């Protein structure tokens, strides 16, 4: 019973991480599009948005790494069971 509880907690953590990654990816895209639009509207000189893309991309890469190394909203029992099945198959 304790092993199943531990597996359930790990499954919930994994689901939350994946769902958080989606939010982070959307933020990354929106912020960087805004920066590129500002750059374009102000004369298209030196491509300074590359620094913003690099900085925000580092955070996104760390999120990806964290999820693959070991999601917000309601987590259903089906989500938990699917995640537990994935972990058991490894």
Protein backbone atom coordinates (compact mmCIF):
# COMPACT_ATOMS: atom_id res chain seq x y z
CA UNK A 1 0.00 0.00 0.00
CA UNK A 2 2.83 2.43 0.85
CA UNK A 3 4.54 1.72 -2.48
CA UNK A 4 1.35 2.56 -4.34
CA UNK A 5 0.95 5.81 -2.37
CA UNK A 6 4.53 6.79 -3.22
CA UNK A 7 3.90 5.94 -6.86
CA UNK A 8 0.72 8.00 -6.81
CA UNK A 9 2.50 11.03 -5.33
CA UNK A 10 5.26 10.76 -7.94
CA UNK A 11 2.68 10.47 -10.72
CA UNK A 12 0.92 13.62 -9.50
CA UNK A 13 4.25 15.51 -9.38
CA UNK A 14 5.08 14.42 -12.93
CA UNK A 15 1.70 15.53 -14.26
CA UNK A 16 2.03 18.94 -12.59
CA UNK A 17 5.51 19.41 -14.04
CA UNK A 18 4.33 18.62 -17.56
CA UNK A 19 1.36 20.96 -17.29
CA UNK A 20 3.62 23.71 -15.94
CA UNK A 21 5.91 23.21 -18.92
CA UNK A 22 3.06 24.00 -21.32
CA UNK A 23 2.42 27.31 -19.53
CA UNK A 24 6.12 28.12 -19.59
CA UNK A 25 6.37 27.35 -23.32
CA UNK A 26 3.40 29.58 -24.14
CA UNK A 27 4.91 32.41 -22.07
CA UNK A 28 8.24 31.94 -23.86
CA UNK A 29 6.60 32.25 -27.28
CA UNK A 30 4.40 35.25 -26.39
CA UNK A 31 7.18 37.23 -24.69
CA UNK A 32 9.63 36.65 -27.50
CA UNK A 33 7.12 37.54 -30.21
CA UNK A 34 6.44 40.81 -28.38
CA UNK A 35 10.18 41.54 -28.19
CA UNK A 36 10.64 40.85 -31.90
CA UNK A 37 7.69 43.09 -32.77
CA UNK A 38 9.19 45.90 -30.66
CA UNK A 39 12.56 45.41 -32.35
CA UNK A 40 10.92 45.47 -35.78
CA UNK A 41 8.86 48.58 -34.97
CA UNK A 42 11.89 50.51 -33.70
CA UNK A 43 14.06 50.29 -36.76
CA UNK A 44 15.38 46.75 -37.06
CA UNK A 45 18.96 47.53 -36.13
CA UNK A 46 21.02 45.19 -33.97
CA UNK A 47 18.91 42.11 -33.16
CA UNK A 48 18.78 42.59 -29.40
CA UNK A 49 15.81 40.22 -28.91
CA UNK A 50 18.33 37.40 -29.27
CA UNK A 51 19.42 38.14 -25.69
CA UNK A 52 15.85 37.88 -24.44
CA UNK A 53 15.31 34.67 -26.40
CA UNK A 54 18.52 33.23 -24.95
CA UNK A 55 17.65 34.21 -21.38
CA UNK A 56 14.08 32.93 -21.50
CA UNK A 57 15.15 29.85 -23.44
CA UNK A 58 17.55 28.82 -20.68
CA UNK A 59 14.65 28.61 -18.22
CA UNK A 60 12.60 26.60 -20.68
CA UNK A 61 15.46 24.18 -21.28
CA UNK A 62 15.85 23.65 -17.54
CA UNK A 63 12.13 22.90 -17.25
CA UNK A 64 12.39 20.34 -20.06
CA UNK A 65 15.42 18.78 -18.44
CA UNK A 66 13.70 18.60 -15.06
CA UNK A 67 10.65 16.88 -16.51
CA UNK A 68 12.62 14.36 -18.55
CA UNK A 69 14.95 13.64 -15.64
CA UNK A 70 12.47 12.19 -13.30
CA UNK A 71 1.38 20.11 -15.28
CA UNK A 72 -1.90 23.28 -13.64
CA UNK A 73 -5.49 22.26 -13.41
CA UNK A 74 -7.42 19.30 -12.14
CA UNK A 75 -5.61 15.99 -12.22
CA UNK A 76 -7.96 13.13 -12.91
CA UNK A 77 -7.64 9.60 -11.60
CA UNK A 78 -7.09 8.53 -15.21
CA UNK A 79 -4.08 10.89 -15.49
CA UNK A 80 -2.63 9.45 -12.29
CA UNK A 81 -3.21 5.84 -13.34
CA UNK A 82 -1.65 6.48 -16.78
CA UNK A 83 1.41 8.07 -15.17
CA UNK A 84 1.73 5.25 -12.64
CA UNK A 85 1.51 2.71 -15.48
CA UNK A 86 4.30 4.54 -17.33
CA UNK A 87 6.48 4.46 -14.22
CA UNK A 88 5.77 0.76 -13.65
CA UNK A 89 6.71 -0.07 -17.26
CA UNK A 90 10.20 1.40 -16.82
